[in-house]
Amino acid sequence: MAFHVWLTFAATYFLLTITPGPNVVLVIRNSLKFGSASALLTILGNLTAQLIVVMLVAGGVGATIAALPEFFLVMKVLGAAYLILLGIGQIRTARQPGSPTGDEAPGAPMSKSGVFRSAFLVSISNPKTLIFLSAFMPQFIDQSRALGWQFAVMYLTIAASVGSVHIFYSFSVNRLKHKVKNSRFIKSVKFLGGSLFVLLGLKLLTSQRT
């Protein structure tokens, strides 16, 4: 992969990453709910799922799945249902009385495995990601060079983009959270995040394989 090709891939994927989607919303949700430390677990869960997706793309599985409408439909419904359930849970939490900072109530400690698992499931359960990367990544492949390292470089680029953007979102929302000691404001942000999850789930549910 030539340097200018990699640079084009990196710039394009970075622009795609900064666009708010389910993973960005989840980083913001977990940062508000559990604090900034949860952002790293959320990013790790997301990148673990992304690694699996990239490996599937490298193996040609994405193109196969794109040709199987039944499998795509099942994955789409499951992914959409998970996002909608997360959104409803977030909306219900926003409506409950809480501390002025919007922290979790006593007796509800952060589950590290739960934070990782939710991020992994949000990322892996969206079949559009697999199909998109199956169409997107091969455009930057140089067939005259070893494919393995090219996919490895692209995954590391994806990881760098996702990590930097999501840390920025987490840092920003936590600074805002600590500057604005207003439970109504925090609850409004949580309600908005939950609503976005529901909307993203509905968008996925009505999406096509293109």
N, C-alpha and C. Protein backbone atom coordinates (compact mmCIF):
# COMPACT_ATOMS: atom_id res chain seq x y z
N MET A 1 0.85 -1.20 0.00
CA MET A 1 0.00 0.00 0.00
C MET A 1 0.88 1.24 0.00
N ALA A 2 0.77 2.04 -1.03
CA ALA A 2 1.55 3.27 -1.11
C ALA A 2 1.11 4.26 -0.04
N PHE A 3 2.03 5.16 0.31
CA PHE A 3 1.75 6.10 1.40
C PHE A 3 0.54 6.98 1.09
N HIS A 4 0.44 7.47 -0.15
CA HIS A 4 -0.68 8.36 -0.48
C HIS A 4 -2.02 7.61 -0.45
N VAL A 5 -1.98 6.31 -0.76
CA VAL A 5 -3.21 5.50 -0.67
C VAL A 5 -3.62 5.34 0.78
N TRP A 6 -2.62 5.04 1.64
CA TRP A 6 -2.92 4.91 3.07
C TRP A 6 -3.45 6.23 3.62
N LEU A 7 -2.84 7.34 3.21
CA LEU A 7 -3.27 8.65 3.71
C LEU A 7 -4.71 8.93 3.33
N THR A 8 -5.09 8.57 2.12
CA THR A 8 -6.48 8.74 1.68
C THR A 8 -7.42 7.88 2.52
N PHE A 9 -7.02 6.63 2.76
CA PHE A 9 -7.82 5.73 3.60
C PHE A 9 -7.97 6.30 5.01
N ALA A 10 -6.85 6.75 5.60
CA ALA A 10 -6.87 7.27 6.97
C ALA A 10 -7.77 8.50 7.09
N ALA A 11 -7.63 9.42 6.13
CA ALA A 11 -8.44 10.65 6.17
C ALA A 11 -9.92 10.35 6.00
N THR A 12 -10.22 9.46 5.06
CA THR A 12 -11.63 9.11 4.81
C THR A 12 -12.25 8.43 6.02
N TYR A 13 -11.55 7.47 6.60
CA TYR A 13 -12.11 6.76 7.74
C TYR A 13 -12.23 7.67 8.96
N PHE A 14 -11.29 8.59 9.12
CA PHE A 14 -11.38 9.53 10.24
C PHE A 14 -12.62 10.39 10.12
N LEU A 15 -12.91 10.86 8.93
CA LEU A 15 -14.11 11.67 8.71
C LEU A 15 -15.37 10.85 8.99
N LEU A 16 -15.35 9.57 8.63
CA LEU A 16 -16.49 8.70 8.92
C LEU A 16 -16.63 8.48 10.42
N THR A 17 -15.51 8.40 11.13
CA THR A 17 -15.54 8.11 12.56
C THR A 17 -16.11 9.26 13.38
N ILE A 18 -15.82 10.50 12.98
CA ILE A 18 -16.29 11.64 13.77
C ILE A 18 -17.79 11.86 13.62
N THR A 19 -18.40 11.23 12.62
CA THR A 19 -19.85 11.33 12.47
C THR A 19 -20.52 10.52 13.56
N PRO A 20 -21.39 11.13 14.38
CA PRO A 20 -22.01 10.39 15.48
C PRO A 20 -22.80 9.18 15.00
N GLY A 21 -22.49 8.04 15.57
CA GLY A 21 -23.18 6.79 15.29
C GLY A 21 -23.38 6.03 16.59
N PRO A 22 -23.81 4.78 16.53
CA PRO A 22 -24.06 4.01 17.75
C PRO A 22 -22.87 3.94 18.69
N ASN A 23 -21.65 3.77 18.15
CA ASN A 23 -20.47 3.64 19.01
C ASN A 23 -20.13 4.95 19.71
N VAL A 24 -20.28 6.07 19.00
CA VAL A 24 -20.04 7.37 19.62
C VAL A 24 -21.07 7.64 20.71
N VAL A 25 -22.33 7.35 20.41
CA VAL A 25 -23.38 7.55 21.40
C VAL A 25 -23.12 6.69 22.63
N LEU A 26 -22.63 5.46 22.43
CA LEU A 26 -22.35 4.58 23.56
C LEU A 26 -21.20 5.11 24.41
N VAL A 27 -20.18 5.66 23.79
CA VAL A 27 -19.07 6.26 24.54
C VAL A 27 -19.58 7.40 25.42
N ILE A 28 -20.42 8.25 24.84
CA ILE A 28 -20.99 9.36 25.60
C ILE A 28 -21.87 8.85 26.72
N ARG A 29 -22.69 7.84 26.42
CA ARG A 29 -23.59 7.26 27.42
C ARG A 29 -22.80 6.67 28.59
N ASN A 30 -21.76 5.89 28.29
CA ASN A 30 -20.99 5.26 29.35
C ASN A 30 -20.16 6.26 30.13
N SER A 31 -19.69 7.31 29.46
CA SER A 31 -18.94 8.36 30.16
C SER A 31 -19.82 9.09 31.15
N LEU A 32 -21.06 9.36 30.76
CA LEU A 32 -22.00 10.01 31.67
C LEU A 32 -22.42 9.08 32.81
N LYS A 33 -22.59 7.81 32.48
CA LYS A 33 -23.13 6.86 33.44
C LYS A 33 -22.08 6.35 34.43
N PHE A 34 -20.87 6.08 33.91
CA PHE A 34 -19.86 5.44 34.73
C PHE A 34 -18.60 6.27 34.94
N GLY A 35 -18.43 7.35 34.16
CA GLY A 35 -17.22 8.15 34.26
C GLY A 35 -16.27 7.89 33.11
N SER A 36 -15.20 8.69 33.07
CA SER A 36 -14.28 8.64 31.93
C SER A 36 -13.53 7.32 31.83
N ALA A 37 -13.32 6.63 32.94
CA ALA A 37 -12.57 5.36 32.89
C ALA A 37 -13.29 4.32 32.02
N SER A 38 -14.60 4.39 31.97
CA SER A 38 -15.36 3.42 31.18
C SER A 38 -15.15 3.61 29.69
N ALA A 39 -14.69 4.79 29.29
CA ALA A 39 -14.48 5.06 27.86
C ALA A 39 -13.45 4.10 27.27
N LEU A 40 -12.39 3.80 28.02
CA LEU A 40 -11.35 2.90 27.52
C LEU A 40 -11.90 1.49 27.31
N LEU A 41 -12.74 1.03 28.23
CA LEU A 41 -13.36 -0.29 28.06
C LEU A 41 -14.33 -0.29 26.89
N THR A 42 -15.04 0.82 26.71
CA THR A 42 -15.97 0.93 25.59
C THR A 42 -15.20 0.89 24.27
N ILE A 43 -14.11 1.63 24.21
CA ILE A 43 -13.28 1.64 23.00
C ILE A 43 -12.69 0.26 22.74
N LEU A 44 -12.23 -0.41 23.81
CA LEU A 44 -11.65 -1.74 23.67
C LEU A 44 -12.68 -2.73 23.13
N GLY A 45 -13.90 -2.66 23.65
CA GLY A 45 -14.97 -3.54 23.16
C GLY A 45 -15.27 -3.28 21.70
N ASN A 46 -15.33 -2.02 21.33
CA ASN A 46 -15.60 -1.64 19.94
C ASN A 46 -14.48 -2.13 19.02
N LEU A 47 -13.23 -1.92 19.42
CA LEU A 47 -12.10 -2.29 18.57
C LEU A 47 -11.94 -3.81 18.47
N THR A 48 -12.33 -4.53 19.51
CA THR A 48 -12.32 -5.99 19.43
C THR A 48 -13.30 -6.47 18.37
N ALA A 49 -14.48 -5.87 18.38
CA ALA A 49 -15.48 -6.21 17.35
C ALA A 49 -14.99 -5.81 15.97
N GLN A 50 -14.37 -4.63 15.88
CA GLN A 50 -13.85 -4.16 14.58
C GLN A 50 -12.76 -5.09 14.05
N LEU A 51 -11.94 -5.63 14.95
CA LEU A 51 -10.90 -6.57 14.53
C LEU A 51 -11.52 -7.81 13.90
N ILE A 52 -12.57 -8.31 14.53
CA ILE A 52 -13.27 -9.48 13.97
C ILE A 52 -13.85 -9.16 12.61
N VAL A 53 -14.44 -7.98 12.49
CA VAL A 53 -15.04 -7.57 11.22
C VAL A 53 -13.99 -7.48 10.12
N VAL A 54 -12.84 -6.86 10.44
CA VAL A 54 -11.77 -6.72 9.46
C VAL A 54 -11.24 -8.10 9.05
N MET A 55 -11.13 -9.01 9.99
CA MET A 55 -10.68 -10.37 9.67
C MET A 55 -11.68 -11.07 8.75
N LEU A 56 -12.98 -10.84 8.99
CA LEU A 56 -14.01 -11.42 8.13
C LEU A 56 -13.94 -10.82 6.72
N VAL A 57 -13.71 -9.52 6.66
CA VAL A 57 -13.58 -8.86 5.36
C VAL A 57 -12.37 -9.42 4.61
N ALA A 58 -11.25 -9.58 5.32
CA ALA A 58 -10.04 -10.13 4.70
C ALA A 58 -10.27 -11.54 4.18
N GLY A 59 -11.15 -12.28 4.85
CA GLY A 59 -11.45 -13.64 4.42
C GLY A 59 -12.55 -13.73 3.38
N GLY A 60 -13.10 -12.58 3.00
CA GLY A 60 -14.14 -12.57 1.97
C GLY A 60 -15.52 -12.90 2.49
N VAL A 61 -15.69 -12.92 3.83
CA VAL A 61 -16.99 -13.30 4.39
C VAL A 61 -18.03 -12.21 4.17
N GLY A 62 -17.58 -10.94 4.17
CA GLY A 62 -18.52 -9.85 4.01
C GLY A 62 -19.30 -9.92 2.72
N ALA A 63 -18.61 -10.25 1.62
CA ALA A 63 -19.28 -10.35 0.33
C ALA A 63 -20.28 -11.50 0.32
N THR A 64 -19.94 -12.59 1.02
CA THR A 64 -20.85 -13.73 1.10
C THR A 64 -22.12 -13.36 1.86
N ILE A 65 -21.94 -12.68 3.00
CA ILE A 65 -23.09 -12.28 3.82
C ILE A 65 -23.98 -11.30 3.05
N ALA A 66 -23.34 -10.41 2.28
CA ALA A 66 -24.12 -9.44 1.50
C ALA A 66 -25.05 -10.13 0.50
N ALA A 67 -24.67 -11.35 0.12
CA ALA A 67 -25.48 -12.10 -0.85
C ALA A 67 -26.50 -13.01 -0.17
N LEU A 68 -26.57 -12.97 1.16
CA LEU A 68 -27.51 -13.81 1.91
C LEU A 68 -28.54 -12.93 2.61
N PRO A 69 -29.64 -12.62 1.95
CA PRO A 69 -30.62 -11.70 2.53
C PRO A 69 -31.21 -12.19 3.84
N GLU A 70 -31.38 -13.51 4.01
CA GLU A 70 -31.97 -14.02 5.25
C GLU A 70 -31.06 -13.75 6.45
N PHE A 71 -29.76 -14.02 6.28
CA PHE A 71 -28.81 -13.78 7.36
C PHE A 71 -28.72 -12.30 7.68
N PHE A 72 -28.68 -11.48 6.62
CA PHE A 72 -28.62 -10.03 6.82
C PHE A 72 -29.84 -9.55 7.60
N LEU A 73 -31.01 -10.06 7.27
CA LEU A 73 -32.23 -9.65 7.94
C LEU A 73 -32.20 -10.00 9.43
N VAL A 74 -31.75 -11.22 9.74
CA VAL A 74 -31.68 -11.65 11.14
C VAL A 74 -30.72 -10.76 11.92
N MET A 75 -29.52 -10.54 11.36
CA MET A 75 -28.53 -9.71 12.04
C MET A 75 -29.03 -8.28 12.20
N LYS A 76 -29.72 -7.78 11.18
CA LYS A 76 -30.23 -6.42 11.23
C LYS A 76 -31.27 -6.26 12.33
N VAL A 77 -32.18 -7.21 12.44
CA VAL A 77 -33.23 -7.15 13.46
C VAL A 77 -32.63 -7.26 14.86
N LEU A 78 -31.67 -8.18 15.04
CA LEU A 78 -31.04 -8.34 16.34
C LEU A 78 -30.27 -7.08 16.74
N GLY A 79 -29.51 -6.53 15.79
CA GLY A 79 -28.75 -5.31 16.07
C GLY A 79 -29.65 -4.13 16.39
N ALA A 80 -30.72 -3.98 15.61
CA ALA A 80 -31.65 -2.88 15.85
C ALA A 80 -32.34 -3.03 17.20
N ALA A 81 -32.75 -4.26 17.53
CA ALA A 81 -33.42 -4.51 18.81
C ALA A 81 -32.51 -4.17 19.98
N TYR A 82 -31.22 -4.52 19.85
CA TYR A 82 -30.27 -4.23 20.93
C TYR A 82 -30.11 -2.73 21.12
N LEU A 83 -29.98 -1.98 20.02
CA LEU A 83 -29.85 -0.53 20.12
C LEU A 83 -31.09 0.10 20.74
N ILE A 84 -32.25 -0.36 20.32
CA ILE A 84 -33.50 0.20 20.84
C ILE A 84 -33.64 -0.09 22.33
N LEU A 85 -33.29 -1.31 22.75
CA LEU A 85 -33.36 -1.65 24.18
C LEU A 85 -32.39 -0.79 24.99
N LEU A 86 -31.18 -0.56 24.46
CA LEU A 86 -30.24 0.33 25.14
C LEU A 86 -30.83 1.73 25.27
N GLY A 87 -31.44 2.20 24.20
CA GLY A 87 -32.02 3.54 24.22
C GLY A 87 -33.15 3.67 25.22
N ILE A 88 -34.03 2.68 25.26
CA ILE A 88 -35.14 2.71 26.21
C ILE A 88 -34.61 2.69 27.65
N GLY A 89 -33.60 1.86 27.89
CA GLY A 89 -32.99 1.83 29.22
C GLY A 89 -32.39 3.16 29.60
N GLN A 90 -31.74 3.83 28.64
CA GLN A 90 -31.15 5.14 28.91
C GLN A 90 -32.23 6.18 29.20
N ILE A 91 -33.31 6.14 28.44
CA ILE A 91 -34.40 7.09 28.66
C ILE A 91 -35.03 6.87 30.04
N ARG A 92 -35.22 5.63 30.42
CA ARG A 92 -35.78 5.32 31.74
C ARG A 92 -34.87 5.81 32.86
N THR A 93 -33.54 5.66 32.66
CA THR A 93 -32.58 6.14 33.66
C THR A 93 -32.64 7.66 33.78
N ALA A 94 -32.78 8.33 32.63
CA ALA A 94 -32.82 9.79 32.64
C ALA A 94 -34.04 10.32 33.38
N ARG A 95 -35.11 9.55 33.42
CA ARG A 95 -36.34 10.00 34.07
C ARG A 95 -36.35 9.72 35.57
N GLN A 96 -35.37 8.92 36.05
CA GLN A 96 -35.32 8.59 37.47
C GLN A 96 -34.62 9.69 38.24
N PRO A 97 -35.01 9.91 39.51
CA PRO A 97 -34.31 10.90 40.33
C PRO A 97 -32.88 10.46 40.59
N GLY A 98 -31.95 11.40 40.57
CA GLY A 98 -30.55 11.05 40.80
C GLY A 98 -29.82 12.21 41.45
N SER A 99 -28.50 12.05 41.59
CA SER A 99 -27.69 13.08 42.21
C SER A 99 -27.52 14.25 41.25
N PRO A 100 -27.15 15.44 41.76
CA PRO A 100 -27.00 16.60 40.90
C PRO A 100 -26.01 16.43 39.77
N THR A 101 -25.01 15.54 39.95
CA THR A 101 -24.02 15.34 38.90
C THR A 101 -24.46 14.32 37.89
N GLY A 102 -25.57 13.64 38.15
CA GLY A 102 -26.04 12.64 37.21
C GLY A 102 -25.37 11.31 37.38
N ASP A 103 -24.64 11.11 38.50
CA ASP A 103 -23.96 9.85 38.72
C ASP A 103 -24.96 8.76 39.01
N GLU A 104 -24.51 7.52 38.91
CA GLU A 104 -25.37 6.40 39.21
C GLU A 104 -25.73 6.37 40.68
N ALA A 105 -26.91 5.84 40.96
CA ALA A 105 -27.35 5.73 42.34
C ALA A 105 -26.52 4.70 43.06
N PRO A 106 -26.39 4.81 44.44
CA PRO A 106 -25.67 3.81 45.18
C PRO A 106 -26.26 2.43 44.95
N GLY A 107 -25.37 1.43 44.96
CA GLY A 107 -25.85 0.06 44.77
C GLY A 107 -25.84 -0.35 43.31
N ALA A 108 -25.39 0.55 42.41
CA ALA A 108 -25.31 0.22 40.99
C ALA A 108 -23.89 0.46 40.50
N PRO A 109 -22.90 -0.33 40.98
CA PRO A 109 -21.51 -0.12 40.59
C PRO A 109 -21.28 -0.46 39.13
N MET A 110 -20.21 0.09 38.59
CA MET A 110 -19.88 -0.17 37.20
C MET A 110 -19.41 -1.60 37.03
N SER A 111 -19.94 -2.26 36.04
CA SER A 111 -19.50 -3.59 35.68
C SER A 111 -18.56 -3.46 34.48
N LYS A 112 -17.28 -3.76 34.70
CA LYS A 112 -16.32 -3.62 33.61
C LYS A 112 -16.65 -4.56 32.46
N SER A 113 -17.02 -5.78 32.80
CA SER A 113 -17.37 -6.73 31.75
C SER A 113 -18.62 -6.30 31.01
N GLY A 114 -19.56 -5.70 31.74
CA GLY A 114 -20.79 -5.21 31.12
C GLY A 114 -20.53 -4.07 30.16
N VAL A 115 -19.65 -3.15 30.53
CA VAL A 115 -19.30 -2.03 29.65
C VAL A 115 -18.63 -2.54 28.38
N PHE A 116 -17.67 -3.46 28.55
CA PHE A 116 -16.99 -4.05 27.39
C PHE A 116 -17.97 -4.80 26.51
N ARG A 117 -18.85 -5.60 27.14
CA ARG A 117 -19.78 -6.44 26.38
C ARG A 117 -20.76 -5.59 25.58
N SER A 118 -21.27 -4.52 26.18
CA SER A 118 -22.23 -3.68 25.47
C SER A 118 -21.59 -3.01 24.27
N ALA A 119 -20.34 -2.55 24.42
CA ALA A 119 -19.63 -1.92 23.30
C ALA A 119 -19.37 -2.94 22.20
N PHE A 120 -18.97 -4.14 22.59
CA PHE A 120 -18.72 -5.19 21.61
C PHE A 120 -19.98 -5.53 20.83
N LEU A 121 -21.10 -5.68 21.55
CA LEU A 121 -22.35 -6.07 20.91
C LEU A 121 -22.89 -4.98 19.99
N VAL A 122 -22.77 -3.71 20.42
CA VAL A 122 -23.23 -2.61 19.58
C VAL A 122 -22.47 -2.60 18.26
N SER A 123 -21.16 -2.85 18.33
CA SER A 123 -20.34 -2.80 17.12
C SER A 123 -20.51 -4.04 16.24
N ILE A 124 -20.56 -5.22 16.85
CA ILE A 124 -20.57 -6.46 16.08
C ILE A 124 -21.95 -6.80 15.53
N SER A 125 -23.01 -6.25 16.15
CA SER A 125 -24.37 -6.65 15.76
C SER A 125 -24.92 -5.86 14.59
N ASN A 126 -24.13 -4.93 14.06
CA ASN A 126 -24.59 -4.13 12.91
C ASN A 126 -24.02 -4.71 11.62
N PRO A 127 -24.80 -5.45 10.84
CA PRO A 127 -24.27 -6.07 9.62
C PRO A 127 -23.86 -5.05 8.57
N LYS A 128 -24.38 -3.82 8.67
CA LYS A 128 -24.01 -2.78 7.71
C LYS A 128 -22.51 -2.47 7.80
N THR A 129 -21.93 -2.61 9.01
CA THR A 129 -20.50 -2.35 9.17
C THR A 129 -19.68 -3.33 8.36
N LEU A 130 -20.03 -4.61 8.45
CA LEU A 130 -19.31 -5.64 7.70
C LEU A 130 -19.44 -5.44 6.20
N ILE A 131 -20.64 -5.14 5.76
CA ILE A 131 -20.87 -4.97 4.33
C ILE A 131 -20.20 -3.68 3.82
N PHE A 132 -20.25 -2.63 4.64
CA PHE A 132 -19.60 -1.38 4.24
C PHE A 132 -18.08 -1.57 4.11
N LEU A 133 -17.47 -2.18 5.12
CA LEU A 133 -16.02 -2.38 5.06
C LEU A 133 -15.63 -3.34 3.95
N SER A 134 -16.53 -4.28 3.61
CA SER A 134 -16.26 -5.21 2.51
C SER A 134 -16.19 -4.47 1.17
N ALA A 135 -16.94 -3.39 1.07
CA ALA A 135 -16.91 -2.58 -0.16
C ALA A 135 -15.85 -1.49 -0.10
N PHE A 136 -15.55 -1.02 1.12
CA PHE A 136 -14.67 0.13 1.30
C PHE A 136 -13.19 -0.25 1.31
N MET A 137 -12.82 -1.25 2.09
CA MET A 137 -11.40 -1.56 2.28
C MET A 137 -10.70 -2.06 1.01
N PRO A 138 -11.33 -2.93 0.21
CA PRO A 138 -10.62 -3.43 -0.98
C PRO A 138 -10.23 -2.34 -1.98
N GLN A 139 -10.89 -1.18 -1.91
CA GLN A 139 -10.54 -0.10 -2.82
C GLN A 139 -9.12 0.41 -2.60
N PHE A 140 -8.57 0.14 -1.41
CA PHE A 140 -7.24 0.64 -1.07
C PHE A 140 -6.18 -0.46 -1.09
N ILE A 141 -6.57 -1.65 -1.50
CA ILE A 141 -5.66 -2.78 -1.52
C ILE A 141 -4.81 -2.78 -2.80
N ASP A 142 -3.52 -3.02 -2.62
CA ASP A 142 -2.62 -3.20 -3.75
C ASP A 142 -2.43 -4.70 -3.95
N GLN A 143 -3.01 -5.23 -5.01
CA GLN A 143 -3.00 -6.67 -5.25
C GLN A 143 -1.60 -7.21 -5.50
N SER A 144 -0.64 -6.36 -5.81
CA SER A 144 0.72 -6.83 -6.07
C SER A 144 1.53 -7.01 -4.79
N ARG A 145 0.95 -6.63 -3.66
CA ARG A 145 1.65 -6.75 -2.39
C ARG A 145 0.88 -7.70 -1.47
N ALA A 146 1.56 -8.12 -0.41
CA ALA A 146 0.95 -9.05 0.55
C ALA A 146 -0.31 -8.43 1.15
N LEU A 147 -1.39 -9.20 1.14
CA LEU A 147 -2.67 -8.67 1.62
C LEU A 147 -2.72 -8.57 3.13
N GLY A 148 -2.11 -9.53 3.82
CA GLY A 148 -2.22 -9.59 5.27
C GLY A 148 -1.78 -8.32 5.96
N TRP A 149 -0.58 -7.84 5.58
CA TRP A 149 -0.08 -6.65 6.27
C TRP A 149 -0.87 -5.40 5.89
N GLN A 150 -1.43 -5.39 4.67
CA GLN A 150 -2.25 -4.24 4.27
C GLN A 150 -3.52 -4.15 5.11
N PHE A 151 -4.17 -5.30 5.35
CA PHE A 151 -5.34 -5.31 6.23
C PHE A 151 -4.94 -4.95 7.67
N ALA A 152 -3.75 -5.40 8.08
CA ALA A 152 -3.27 -5.07 9.42
C ALA A 152 -3.05 -3.57 9.57
N VAL A 153 -2.45 -2.96 8.55
CA VAL A 153 -2.23 -1.51 8.59
C VAL A 153 -3.56 -0.76 8.62
N MET A 154 -4.52 -1.22 7.82
CA MET A 154 -5.83 -0.55 7.81
C MET A 154 -6.54 -0.71 9.15
N TYR A 155 -6.41 -1.90 9.78
CA TYR A 155 -7.05 -2.06 11.09
C TYR A 155 -6.41 -1.15 12.12
N LEU A 156 -5.07 -1.07 12.12
CA LEU A 156 -4.39 -0.18 13.07
C LEU A 156 -4.79 1.27 12.83
N THR A 157 -5.00 1.62 11.57
CA THR A 157 -5.47 2.98 11.25
C THR A 157 -6.88 3.19 11.79
N ILE A 158 -7.74 2.19 11.60
CA ILE A 158 -9.10 2.26 12.15
C ILE A 158 -9.05 2.41 13.66
N ALA A 159 -8.19 1.61 14.32
CA ALA A 159 -8.07 1.67 15.78
C ALA A 159 -7.61 3.04 16.25
N ALA A 160 -6.65 3.63 15.54
CA ALA A 160 -6.16 4.96 15.91
C ALA A 160 -7.25 6.01 15.75
N SER A 161 -8.01 5.93 14.65
CA SER A 161 -9.09 6.89 14.42
C SER A 161 -10.18 6.76 15.49
N VAL A 162 -10.62 5.52 15.71
CA VAL A 162 -11.68 5.29 16.69
C VAL A 162 -11.22 5.71 18.08
N GLY A 163 -10.01 5.30 18.45
CA GLY A 163 -9.51 5.63 19.79
C GLY A 163 -9.43 7.12 20.02
N SER A 164 -8.84 7.86 19.08
CA SER A 164 -8.68 9.30 19.27
C SER A 164 -10.01 10.04 19.29
N VAL A 165 -10.89 9.68 18.37
CA VAL A 165 -12.19 10.37 18.31
C VAL A 165 -13.04 10.06 19.54
N HIS A 166 -13.09 8.80 19.94
CA HIS A 166 -13.92 8.43 21.08
C HIS A 166 -13.38 8.98 22.39
N ILE A 167 -12.06 9.04 22.54
CA ILE A 167 -11.47 9.66 23.74
C ILE A 167 -11.81 11.14 23.77
N PHE A 168 -11.78 11.79 22.62
CA PHE A 168 -12.16 13.20 22.55
C PHE A 168 -13.60 13.41 23.00
N TYR A 169 -14.51 12.57 22.49
CA TYR A 169 -15.92 12.69 22.89
C TYR A 169 -16.07 12.45 24.39
N SER A 170 -15.39 11.44 24.92
CA SER A 170 -15.48 11.13 26.34
C SER A 170 -14.94 12.28 27.19
N PHE A 171 -13.78 12.80 26.79
CA PHE A 171 -13.17 13.92 27.52
C PHE A 171 -14.08 15.14 27.51
N SER A 172 -14.65 15.42 26.34
CA SER A 172 -15.52 16.60 26.21
C SER A 172 -16.77 16.48 27.06
N VAL A 173 -17.42 15.30 27.03
CA VAL A 173 -18.66 15.15 27.77
C VAL A 173 -18.42 15.15 29.27
N ASN A 174 -17.26 14.66 29.71
CA ASN A 174 -16.96 14.68 31.14
C ASN A 174 -16.59 16.08 31.63
N ARG A 175 -15.90 16.85 30.81
CA ARG A 175 -15.64 18.25 31.17
C ARG A 175 -16.95 19.01 31.28
N LEU A 176 -17.84 18.77 30.34
CA LEU A 176 -19.15 19.43 30.37
C LEU A 176 -19.94 18.99 31.59
N LYS A 177 -19.84 17.71 31.91
CA LYS A 177 -20.56 17.16 33.05
C LYS A 177 -20.11 17.80 34.35
N HIS A 178 -18.79 18.00 34.51
CA HIS A 178 -18.27 18.55 35.76
C HIS A 178 -18.42 20.07 35.84
N LYS A 179 -18.51 20.72 34.68
CA LYS A 179 -18.71 22.17 34.68
C LYS A 179 -20.17 22.53 34.95
N VAL A 180 -21.07 21.69 34.50
CA VAL A 180 -22.50 21.97 34.64
C VAL A 180 -23.07 21.04 35.71
N LYS A 181 -23.09 21.49 36.94
CA LYS A 181 -23.61 20.68 38.04
C LYS A 181 -25.13 20.85 38.11
N ASN A 182 -25.77 20.33 37.12
CA ASN A 182 -27.21 20.52 37.00
C ASN A 182 -27.83 19.19 36.60
N SER A 183 -28.59 18.60 37.52
CA SER A 183 -29.15 17.28 37.24
C SER A 183 -30.12 17.31 36.06
N ARG A 184 -30.85 18.41 35.90
CA ARG A 184 -31.79 18.50 34.79
C ARG A 184 -31.05 18.49 33.46
N PHE A 185 -29.91 19.19 33.40
CA PHE A 185 -29.12 19.22 32.18
C PHE A 185 -28.57 17.83 31.87
N ILE A 186 -28.00 17.16 32.88
CA ILE A 186 -27.43 15.82 32.68
C ILE A 186 -28.52 14.85 32.24
N LYS A 187 -29.68 14.94 32.86
CA LYS A 187 -30.78 14.05 32.48
C LYS A 187 -31.24 14.33 31.06
N SER A 188 -31.20 15.59 30.65
CA SER A 188 -31.58 15.92 29.27
C SER A 188 -30.60 15.30 28.28
N VAL A 189 -29.30 15.36 28.63
CA VAL A 189 -28.28 14.75 27.76
C VAL A 189 -28.49 13.24 27.69
N LYS A 190 -28.76 12.62 28.83
CA LYS A 190 -29.00 11.17 28.85
C LYS A 190 -30.25 10.82 28.04
N PHE A 191 -31.29 11.63 28.18
CA PHE A 191 -32.52 11.38 27.42
C PHE A 191 -32.26 11.50 25.93
N LEU A 192 -31.47 12.51 25.54
CA LEU A 192 -31.13 12.69 24.13
C LEU A 192 -30.32 11.50 23.62
N GLY A 193 -29.36 11.04 24.44
CA GLY A 193 -28.57 9.87 24.04
C GLY A 193 -29.43 8.64 23.86
N GLY A 194 -30.36 8.41 24.79
CA GLY A 194 -31.27 7.28 24.68
C GLY A 194 -32.15 7.38 23.44
N SER A 195 -32.61 8.58 23.16
CA SER A 195 -33.44 8.79 21.97
C SER A 195 -32.66 8.52 20.69
N LEU A 196 -31.36 8.90 20.69
CA LEU A 196 -30.52 8.64 19.52
C LEU A 196 -30.33 7.14 19.31
N PHE A 197 -30.17 6.39 20.41
CA PHE A 197 -30.06 4.94 20.29
C PHE A 197 -31.31 4.36 19.63
N VAL A 198 -32.47 4.82 20.07
CA VAL A 198 -33.72 4.32 19.50
C VAL A 198 -33.81 4.67 18.02
N LEU A 199 -33.46 5.91 17.68
CA LEU A 199 -33.52 6.35 16.28
C LEU A 199 -32.53 5.57 15.41
N LEU A 200 -31.32 5.34 15.95
CA LEU A 200 -30.33 4.58 15.20
C LEU A 200 -30.77 3.13 15.01
N GLY A 201 -31.45 2.59 16.03
CA GLY A 201 -31.98 1.23 15.91
C GLY A 201 -33.06 1.16 14.84
N LEU A 202 -33.94 2.14 14.83
CA LEU A 202 -35.00 2.17 13.82
C LEU A 202 -34.42 2.38 12.42
N LYS A 203 -33.35 3.21 12.34
CA LYS A 203 -32.69 3.42 11.05
C LYS A 203 -32.08 2.13 10.54
N LEU A 204 -31.43 1.38 11.43
CA LEU A 204 -30.86 0.10 11.04
C LEU A 204 -31.93 -0.88 10.61
N LEU A 205 -33.05 -0.87 11.34
CA LEU A 205 -34.14 -1.80 11.05
C LEU A 205 -34.72 -1.58 9.65
N THR A 206 -34.70 -0.33 9.20
CA THR A 206 -35.29 -0.02 7.89
C THR A 206 -34.24 0.09 6.79
N SER A 207 -32.98 -0.21 7.12
CA SER A 207 -31.90 -0.06 6.14
C SER A 207 -31.90 -1.22 5.14
N GLN A 208 -31.28 -0.96 4.02
CA GLN A 208 -31.10 -1.97 2.97
C GLN A 208 -29.65 -2.44 2.99
N ARG A 209 -29.33 -3.41 2.14
CA ARG A 209 -27.99 -3.97 2.14
C ARG A 209 -26.98 -3.15 1.36
N THR A 210 -27.39 -2.06 0.77
CA THR A 210 -26.46 -1.25 -0.01
C THR A 210 -25.44 -0.57 0.87
